Amino acid sequence: MTTIRVALLGVIYWGLAVGVWAGVTSAEDAAQKLKSLPANRAVLLGSASVVGEFNDVARQFELHKTGPRGRDFTIKMVWAPERQRALFCGANHAVPHRLNDVWEFDLGALQWSLLYAPDNPRDYLGLGKDASDVELKNGVFVTRRGGPGIIAHTWWGLTYDPARKEMLFLNTWVTDQKKAAVQLGGQPEDLYAGPPLWSFNPETKQWKPLLAEKPYPRAIFGGLLEYIPELKGSMWHANNWQMQASWLYDAEKNSWRDLKANGDQKQFEKHAAEPEQVGYYDPARKLLVMHRHQATSHYDISSNSWKKVSDAPQGSENVPYGHDAYSPLYHDPLSGHGLLIEFKTNTLWAYDPDKVRWTKLAPEGDPLPEGGKQLAYVDPAHNAFVVIDGVKVWAYRYRSVSK
């Protein structure tokens, strides 16, 4: 019997070792493929591993197998420069879950890491079937582990503050908060009236609500949140009937101020990007570049003004369709251009802000994944535009480094 046990243990340890070494080899192979990738060529790197401390909720939805996957109006990933990885969070519309989990993707290791395991699932308008893990604290719904008790789409309202080394999320959702407050033994007047801004620290793996005093902006749906280093803060922006303004959040002071962009409401309304926008900050040109449907807008830091630089006719084939549910847009620092993927059509575009010109790209090599729950981001550390379909990882090199 002892001999059999020893043999079985030997088989188990051998299997584990093979699995570990296979993972290392896979990551090394991926790194080599990335290193040798020429310009305008794409490669399917393989399947990412998925690691983390998975709780029952995570396993219920098989996150330990699939990773986070794209989530309806939640497709933005943000780059953490000091970690050399991309972060992701945010909820689905309703199905199969609404979770407050947080993830990190490491292209070099070809790995998804669960940084914050989800609390109990929430439903569309309320706190879900089991709200026993939520309390009303300082006017905000917080789980007993410190996470947001209400979880929203990110739309384009997610960014990373490198000065604070924290991800920021303007967490606006349609939950009936007055009803939820009463459900938890509170009163509607107990609710915090300001914007539901949350931070997440990837090092400590902790969520935190950031409750500022007035003045503060309206917490609309589908707004833009983007960190701007020259302004030492994050812009919260919208241009529709709910709010027409660009506000700046100062994390050091935990305060907001209206930038009064364009200095004229009519000019702001005419030129500023509208909700459903996607875009990025260009540190070399000191521009926010935003694309919404067929229209492209720039926000210039020096003049504190928005300008709509192009507005193609509806259905135009000369520009991509910008939308925060299926066409993420990111800055490529090597070229200085923007890179956008239309998930609906599986096409890749480049934007030249100097020429105000969109170009449809035709990558050589492996074709794009065709799943319905994709994510994408630009990885500056590996000079790659990355598309992730569950655990399947595809990378494209727009420009090669000049020698």
Protein backbone atom coordinates (compact mmCIF):
# COMPACT_ATOMS: atom_id res chain seq x y z
CA MET A 1 0.00 0.00 0.00
CA THR A 2 2.86 2.37 0.91
CA THR A 3 4.51 1.66 -2.44
CA ILE A 4 1.28 2.53 -4.27
CA ARG A 5 0.92 5.79 -2.34
CA VAL A 6 4.48 6.79 -3.11
CA ALA A 7 3.92 6.00 -6.79
CA LEU A 8 0.71 8.01 -6.87
CA LEU A 9 2.39 10.96 -5.16
CA GLY A 10 5.18 10.75 -7.68
CA VAL A 11 2.70 10.91 -10.56
CA ILE A 12 0.92 13.89 -8.97
CA TYR A 13 4.14 15.83 -8.37
CA TRP A 14 5.33 15.04 -11.87
CA GLY A 15 2.02 16.27 -13.30
CA LEU A 16 2.24 19.51 -11.30
CA ALA A 17 5.81 20.05 -12.40
CA VAL A 18 4.90 19.49 -16.04
CA GLY A 19 2.04 21.98 -15.67
CA VAL A 20 4.30 24.59 -14.12
CA TRP A 21 7.02 24.13 -16.70
CA ALA A 22 4.46 24.14 -19.50
CA GLY A 23 3.19 27.49 -18.23
CA VAL A 24 6.70 28.91 -18.11
CA THR A 25 7.47 27.61 -21.59
CA SER A 26 4.23 29.10 -22.91
CA ALA A 27 5.07 32.52 -21.46
CA GLU A 28 8.62 32.29 -22.79
CA ASP A 29 7.33 31.32 -26.22
CA ALA A 30 4.92 34.25 -26.16
CA ALA A 31 7.71 36.63 -25.15
CA GLN A 32 9.87 35.39 -28.00
CA LYS A 33 7.02 35.78 -30.49
CA LEU A 34 6.45 39.33 -29.28
CA LYS A 35 10.12 40.20 -29.44
CA SER A 36 10.47 39.08 -33.07
CA LEU A 37 7.14 40.50 -34.28
CA PRO A 38 7.64 42.91 -37.21
CA ALA A 39 5.55 45.98 -37.99
CA ASN A 40 1.96 45.47 -39.20
CA ARG A 41 1.98 41.84 -38.18
CA ALA A 42 -0.18 39.96 -35.69
CA VAL A 43 0.35 36.76 -33.75
CA LEU A 44 -1.86 34.51 -31.66
CA LEU A 45 0.21 34.09 -28.51
CA GLY A 46 -1.79 31.26 -26.96
CA SER A 47 -3.91 30.89 -23.84
CA ALA A 48 -3.32 32.91 -20.70
CA SER A 49 -3.26 31.26 -17.32
CA VAL A 50 -5.79 32.46 -14.72
CA VAL A 51 -4.61 32.79 -11.13
CA GLY A 52 -5.87 34.30 -7.88
CA GLU A 53 -7.73 33.53 -4.68
CA PHE A 54 -11.06 32.42 -6.12
CA ASN A 55 -14.02 32.45 -3.77
CA ASP A 56 -17.34 30.65 -4.25
CA VAL A 57 -18.83 33.51 -6.28
CA ALA A 58 -15.89 33.54 -8.68
CA ARG A 59 -16.10 29.79 -9.12
CA GLN A 60 -19.88 29.93 -9.54
CA PHE A 61 -19.35 31.95 -12.71
CA GLU A 62 -16.21 30.00 -13.72
CA LEU A 63 -13.97 33.04 -13.56
CA HIS A 64 -11.11 30.72 -12.58
CA LYS A 65 -11.40 29.27 -16.09
CA THR A 66 -12.35 32.22 -18.29
CA GLY A 67 -10.88 35.27 -16.57
CA PRO A 68 -13.12 38.37 -16.55
CA ARG A 69 -14.12 38.52 -20.25
CA GLY A 70 -15.56 41.68 -21.84
CA ARG A 71 -18.73 42.94 -20.16
CA ASP A 72 -21.16 44.82 -22.39
CA PHE A 73 -20.48 48.54 -21.77
CA THR A 74 -17.42 47.58 -19.72
CA ILE A 75 -14.45 47.09 -22.05
CA LYS A 76 -11.90 49.70 -20.98
CA MET A 77 -8.57 48.52 -19.59
CA VAL A 78 -6.11 50.93 -17.96
CA TRP A 79 -2.32 50.74 -17.93
CA ALA A 80 -0.45 50.81 -14.62
CA PRO A 81 3.05 51.96 -15.67
CA GLU A 82 4.92 51.05 -12.49
CA ARG A 83 3.41 47.54 -12.58
CA GLN A 84 3.78 47.14 -16.36
CA ARG A 85 0.33 45.56 -16.48
CA ALA A 86 -3.24 46.47 -17.39
CA LEU A 87 -6.17 46.63 -14.94
CA PHE A 88 -9.83 45.82 -15.52
CA CYS A 89 -13.07 46.01 -13.55
CA GLY A 90 -16.77 46.75 -14.01
CA ALA A 91 -20.11 45.04 -14.46
CA ASN A 92 -22.11 43.35 -17.17
CA HIS A 93 -25.50 44.76 -18.14
CA ALA A 94 -27.23 41.96 -16.23
CA VAL A 95 -26.32 38.52 -17.55
CA PRO A 96 -24.60 36.33 -16.46
CA HIS A 97 -23.56 38.40 -13.44
CA ARG A 98 -22.96 41.86 -11.98
CA LEU A 99 -19.72 41.65 -10.00
CA ASN A 100 -17.25 44.04 -8.35
CA ASP A 101 -14.15 41.92 -9.04
CA VAL A 102 -10.84 43.48 -10.18
CA TRP A 103 -8.31 41.91 -12.54
CA GLU A 104 -4.79 42.49 -13.77
CA PHE A 105 -3.37 41.26 -17.07
CA ASP A 106 0.36 40.59 -17.52
CA LEU A 107 1.29 40.10 -21.17
CA GLY A 108 4.87 39.11 -20.34
CA ALA A 109 3.65 36.28 -18.11
CA LEU A 110 0.62 35.61 -20.33
CA GLN A 111 -1.54 35.69 -17.23
CA TRP A 112 -4.81 37.00 -15.78
CA SER A 113 -4.64 37.65 -12.03
CA LEU A 114 -7.72 38.14 -9.87
CA LEU A 115 -6.80 40.96 -7.48
CA TYR A 116 -10.18 41.31 -5.77
CA ALA A 117 -12.55 38.34 -5.69
CA PRO A 118 -16.19 39.35 -6.21
CA ASP A 119 -18.61 40.01 -3.40
CA ASN A 120 -22.17 38.72 -3.78
CA PRO A 121 -23.74 39.29 -7.22
CA ARG A 122 -26.01 42.32 -7.66
CA ASP A 123 -29.10 42.62 -9.80
CA TYR A 124 -30.06 45.39 -12.22
CA LEU A 125 -31.90 47.76 -9.88
CA GLY A 126 -31.03 46.51 -6.41
CA LEU A 127 -28.49 44.82 -4.17
CA GLY A 128 -29.16 41.31 -5.44
CA LYS A 129 -30.69 38.21 -3.90
CA ASP A 130 -28.29 38.28 -0.97
CA ALA A 131 -27.49 41.75 0.41
CA SER A 132 -26.15 40.43 3.72
CA ASP A 133 -22.64 41.51 2.74
CA VAL A 134 -23.60 45.18 2.18
CA GLU A 135 -23.90 48.04 4.67
CA LEU A 136 -24.67 51.74 4.33
CA LYS A 137 -21.54 53.50 5.51
CA ASN A 138 -21.11 57.29 5.40
CA GLY A 139 -23.92 57.43 2.89
CA VAL A 140 -22.34 54.86 0.53
CA PHE A 141 -23.14 51.19 -0.07
CA VAL A 142 -20.00 49.27 0.93
CA THR A 143 -19.46 45.53 1.27
CA ARG A 144 -18.01 44.15 4.48
CA ARG A 145 -14.77 43.48 2.59
CA GLY A 146 -14.64 47.14 1.55
CA GLY A 147 -15.81 46.85 -2.05
CA PRO A 148 -18.53 48.83 -3.82
CA GLY A 149 -21.97 47.54 -2.85
CA ILE A 150 -23.27 48.93 -6.13
CA ILE A 151 -21.30 48.17 -9.27
CA ALA A 152 -21.72 49.90 -12.65
CA HIS A 153 -20.51 49.68 -16.19
CA THR A 154 -17.26 51.52 -16.59
CA TRP A 155 -18.29 53.01 -19.95
CA TRP A 156 -15.20 55.24 -20.43
CA GLY A 157 -15.24 56.36 -16.79
CA LEU A 158 -12.18 54.40 -15.71
CA THR A 159 -8.60 55.66 -15.44
CA TYR A 160 -5.30 55.15 -13.62
CA ASP A 161 -3.64 57.78 -11.46
CA PRO A 162 0.12 57.02 -11.60
CA ALA A 163 0.90 59.61 -8.94
CA ARG A 164 -1.34 57.80 -6.44
CA LYS A 165 -0.76 54.37 -8.04
CA GLU A 166 -4.48 53.75 -7.97
CA MET A 167 -7.23 52.99 -10.45
CA LEU A 168 -10.17 55.45 -10.36
CA PHE A 169 -13.74 54.52 -11.31
CA LEU A 170 -16.77 56.85 -11.50
CA ASN A 171 -19.20 54.14 -10.44
CA THR A 172 -22.61 55.42 -11.62
CA TRP A 173 -25.52 52.99 -11.86
CA VAL A 174 -29.34 52.87 -11.90
CA THR A 175 -29.80 51.13 -8.56
CA ASP A 176 -32.79 52.43 -6.56
CA GLN A 177 -30.59 53.71 -3.76
CA LYS A 178 -33.41 55.13 -1.64
CA LYS A 179 -35.11 51.75 -1.56
CA ALA A 180 -31.79 50.02 -0.88
CA ALA A 181 -31.04 52.38 2.01
CA VAL A 182 -34.34 51.50 3.69
CA GLN A 183 -33.68 47.81 3.01
CA LEU A 184 -30.47 48.10 5.06
CA GLY A 185 -32.15 49.97 7.91
CA GLY A 186 -31.14 53.46 6.81
CA GLN A 187 -33.02 56.45 5.42
CA PRO A 188 -32.91 58.09 1.96
CA GLU A 189 -31.58 61.30 3.51
CA ASP A 190 -28.53 59.37 4.73
CA LEU A 191 -27.25 58.90 1.17
CA TYR A 192 -24.13 60.69 -0.07
CA ALA A 193 -25.24 63.06 -2.84
CA GLY A 194 -21.90 63.48 -4.63
CA PRO A 195 -20.35 61.48 -7.48
CA PRO A 196 -19.67 57.82 -6.56
CA LEU A 197 -15.95 57.88 -7.25
CA TRP A 198 -13.99 54.84 -6.09
CA SER A 199 -10.30 54.03 -6.06
CA PHE A 200 -8.64 50.64 -6.19
CA ASN A 201 -5.08 50.06 -5.05
CA PRO A 202 -3.60 47.08 -6.92
CA GLU A 203 -0.79 46.73 -4.39
CA THR A 204 -3.01 46.47 -1.31
CA LYS A 205 -5.93 45.02 -3.33
CA GLN A 206 -8.38 47.37 -1.65
CA TRP A 207 -11.33 49.42 -2.85
CA LYS A 208 -12.05 52.81 -1.30
CA PRO A 209 -14.89 55.34 -1.81
CA LEU A 210 -13.66 58.90 -2.40
CA LEU A 211 -16.27 61.23 -0.90
CA ALA A 212 -15.62 64.86 -1.75
CA GLU A 213 -17.47 67.91 -0.53
CA LYS A 214 -19.21 70.39 -2.83
CA PRO A 215 -18.66 71.62 -5.46
CA TYR A 216 -18.72 68.42 -7.50
CA PRO A 217 -20.01 67.29 -10.91
CA ARG A 218 -23.09 65.28 -11.73
CA ALA A 219 -22.64 61.53 -11.84
CA ILE A 220 -24.09 60.80 -15.27
CA PHE A 221 -24.07 57.59 -17.30
CA GLY A 222 -21.48 57.14 -20.03
CA GLY A 223 -19.06 59.89 -19.09
CA LEU A 224 -15.30 60.08 -19.56
CA LEU A 225 -12.71 59.81 -16.77
CA GLU A 226 -9.10 60.32 -17.85
CA TYR A 227 -5.96 61.19 -15.88
CA ILE A 228 -4.07 64.22 -17.22
CA PRO A 229 -0.56 64.53 -15.75
CA GLU A 230 -0.12 68.21 -16.66
CA LEU A 231 -3.26 69.05 -14.68
CA LYS A 232 -2.30 66.69 -11.86
CA GLY A 233 -5.76 65.20 -11.82
CA SER A 234 -8.44 63.23 -13.61
CA MET A 235 -11.01 64.82 -15.90
CA TRP A 236 -14.67 63.80 -15.58
CA HIS A 237 -16.42 64.94 -18.73
CA ALA A 238 -19.85 64.83 -20.36
CA ASN A 239 -21.70 66.76 -23.02
CA ASN A 240 -25.40 65.97 -23.05
CA TRP A 241 -28.63 67.00 -21.32
CA GLN A 242 -27.43 65.58 -17.99
CA MET A 243 -24.20 67.59 -17.78
CA GLN A 244 -22.24 69.85 -20.11
CA ALA A 245 -18.91 70.36 -18.43
CA SER A 246 -15.40 69.06 -17.89
CA TRP A 247 -14.43 68.75 -14.23
CA LEU A 248 -11.04 67.95 -12.70
CA TYR A 249 -10.59 65.67 -9.69
CA ASP A 250 -7.56 66.36 -7.48
CA ALA A 251 -6.81 63.15 -5.59
CA GLU A 252 -4.33 64.87 -3.28
CA LYS A 253 -6.97 67.32 -2.06
CA ASN A 254 -9.94 65.03 -2.69
CA SER A 255 -11.70 67.91 -4.42
CA TRP A 256 -13.37 68.81 -7.72
CA ARG A 257 -13.32 71.96 -9.84
CA ASP A 258 -15.10 72.93 -13.03
CA LEU A 259 -12.50 73.61 -15.73
CA LYS A 260 -14.99 75.84 -17.58
CA ALA A 261 -13.65 74.49 -20.85
CA ASN A 262 -14.16 76.62 -23.98
CA GLY A 263 -15.42 79.46 -21.77
CA ASP A 264 -18.69 79.45 -23.68
CA GLN A 265 -21.53 76.96 -23.26
CA LYS A 266 -22.56 77.02 -26.92
CA GLN A 267 -19.00 76.37 -28.10
CA PHE A 268 -18.62 73.59 -25.55
CA GLU A 269 -21.88 71.98 -26.69
CA LYS A 270 -20.80 72.23 -30.35
CA HIS A 271 -17.29 70.84 -30.00
CA ALA A 272 -16.99 68.62 -26.91
CA ALA A 273 -17.25 64.86 -27.14
CA GLU A 274 -20.64 63.40 -26.27
CA PRO A 275 -21.30 60.31 -24.11
CA GLU A 276 -20.49 56.88 -25.56
CA GLN A 277 -17.10 58.37 -26.45
CA VAL A 278 -13.84 56.43 -26.39
CA GLY A 279 -10.39 57.92 -26.34
CA TYR A 280 -7.04 58.56 -24.74
CA TYR A 281 -4.59 61.19 -23.53
CA ASP A 282 -1.60 62.03 -25.75
CA PRO A 283 1.20 63.35 -23.48
CA ALA A 284 3.44 64.48 -26.36
CA ARG A 285 0.77 66.68 -27.94
CA LYS A 286 -0.98 67.40 -24.64
CA LEU A 287 -4.29 66.42 -26.18
CA LEU A 288 -7.25 64.36 -25.17
CA VAL A 289 -8.35 62.56 -28.33
CA MET A 290 -11.97 61.39 -28.28
CA HIS A 291 -14.04 59.58 -30.88
CA ARG A 292 -17.81 59.21 -30.63
CA HIS A 293 -19.80 57.54 -33.42
CA GLN A 294 -18.35 59.26 -36.55
CA ALA A 295 -17.07 62.41 -34.80
CA THR A 296 -13.56 63.07 -33.49
CA SER A 297 -12.83 65.76 -30.89
CA HIS A 298 -9.64 67.08 -29.32
CA TYR A 299 -9.28 68.70 -25.92
CA ASP A 300 -6.22 70.97 -25.85
CA ILE A 301 -4.64 71.39 -22.41
CA SER A 302 -2.96 74.74 -23.12
CA SER A 303 -6.14 76.45 -24.34
CA ASN A 304 -8.54 74.53 -22.08
CA SER A 305 -10.84 73.96 -25.02
CA TRP A 306 -12.59 71.23 -26.98
CA LYS A 307 -12.65 71.23 -30.77
CA LYS A 308 -14.56 68.86 -33.02
CA VAL A 309 -11.93 68.24 -35.69
CA SER A 310 -13.97 65.90 -37.91
CA ASP A 311 -17.54 64.70 -38.21
CA ALA A 312 -18.10 62.18 -41.00
CA PRO A 313 -21.57 61.40 -42.35
CA GLN A 314 -23.46 58.55 -40.75
CA GLY A 315 -22.41 55.23 -42.25
CA SER A 316 -19.14 56.61 -43.59
CA GLU A 317 -16.56 53.95 -44.39
CA ASN A 318 -13.69 56.41 -43.92
CA VAL A 319 -13.87 56.38 -40.13
CA PRO A 320 -14.61 53.71 -37.52
CA TYR A 321 -17.72 53.81 -35.34
CA GLY A 322 -16.68 54.98 -31.88
CA HIS A 323 -18.65 53.49 -29.00
CA ASP A 324 -17.79 52.55 -25.42
CA ALA A 325 -19.55 49.18 -25.74
CA TYR A 326 -17.59 47.74 -28.64
CA SER A 327 -14.80 49.90 -30.05
CA PRO A 328 -12.06 50.76 -27.53
CA LEU A 329 -9.46 53.38 -28.51
CA TYR A 330 -5.99 53.71 -26.96
CA HIS A 331 -2.80 55.70 -27.41
CA ASP A 332 0.18 54.02 -29.03
CA PRO A 333 3.17 55.87 -27.54
CA LEU A 334 5.74 54.69 -30.10
CA SER A 335 3.89 56.06 -33.14
CA GLY A 336 1.93 58.79 -31.38
CA HIS A 337 -1.23 57.53 -33.06
CA GLY A 338 -4.44 56.14 -31.66
CA LEU A 339 -5.40 52.50 -32.23
CA LEU A 340 -9.05 51.44 -32.28
CA ILE A 341 -10.66 48.06 -32.78
CA GLU A 342 -14.28 47.63 -33.81
CA PHE A 343 -15.33 44.41 -32.14
CA LYS A 344 -18.54 44.22 -34.17
CA THR A 345 -16.70 44.14 -37.48
CA ASN A 346 -13.33 42.88 -36.21
CA THR A 347 -11.48 45.70 -37.93
CA LEU A 348 -8.51 47.67 -36.69
CA TRP A 349 -7.98 51.41 -37.27
CA ALA A 350 -5.22 53.96 -36.68
CA TYR A 351 -5.73 57.67 -36.02
CA ASP A 352 -3.17 60.35 -36.86
CA PRO A 353 -3.98 63.44 -34.75
CA ASP A 354 -1.68 65.71 -36.78
CA LYS A 355 -3.38 64.92 -40.07
CA VAL A 356 -6.78 64.29 -38.44
CA ARG A 357 -7.00 61.10 -40.45
CA TRP A 358 -8.32 57.61 -39.79
CA THR A 359 -6.79 54.64 -41.62
CA LYS A 360 -8.17 51.11 -41.74
CA LEU A 361 -5.37 48.65 -41.05
CA ALA A 362 -4.78 45.26 -42.66
CA PRO A 363 -2.61 43.28 -40.25
CA GLU A 364 -0.62 40.39 -41.66
CA GLY A 365 -0.27 37.13 -39.79
CA ASP A 366 -2.80 35.48 -37.49
CA PRO A 367 -6.42 36.68 -37.77
CA LEU A 368 -8.22 38.46 -34.94
CA PRO A 369 -10.18 36.36 -32.43
CA GLU A 370 -13.91 36.41 -33.15
CA GLY A 371 -15.45 35.95 -29.70
CA GLY A 372 -18.29 38.09 -28.42
CA LYS A 373 -16.70 39.10 -25.10
CA GLN A 374 -13.36 40.55 -26.14
CA LEU A 375 -11.14 43.08 -24.39
CA ALA A 376 -8.26 45.14 -25.77
CA TYR A 377 -5.51 47.50 -24.65
CA VAL A 378 -2.14 48.90 -25.74
CA ASP A 379 0.85 47.41 -23.91
CA PRO A 380 3.68 49.99 -24.02
CA ALA A 381 6.13 47.61 -22.33
CA HIS A 382 5.88 45.16 -25.24
CA ASN A 383 4.97 47.62 -28.03
CA ALA A 384 1.79 45.70 -28.80
CA PHE A 385 -1.93 46.21 -29.31
CA VAL A 386 -3.47 43.30 -27.43
CA VAL A 387 -6.87 41.66 -27.91
CA ILE A 388 -8.03 39.12 -25.33
CA ASP A 389 -10.90 36.73 -25.99
CA GLY A 390 -11.42 35.03 -22.63
CA VAL A 391 -7.95 33.55 -22.20
CA LYS A 392 -6.98 33.57 -25.89
CA VAL A 393 -4.41 36.33 -26.48
CA TRP A 394 -3.68 38.05 -29.80
CA ALA A 395 -1.07 40.78 -30.29
CA TYR A 396 -0.40 43.24 -33.11
CA ARG A 397 2.63 45.46 -33.69
CA TYR A 398 1.68 48.72 -35.37
CA ARG A 399 5.19 50.15 -35.67
CA SER A 400 8.62 48.69 -35.00
CA VAL A 401 11.28 50.46 -33.00
CA SER A 402 13.69 52.31 -35.32
CA LYS A 403 17.25 51.07 -35.14
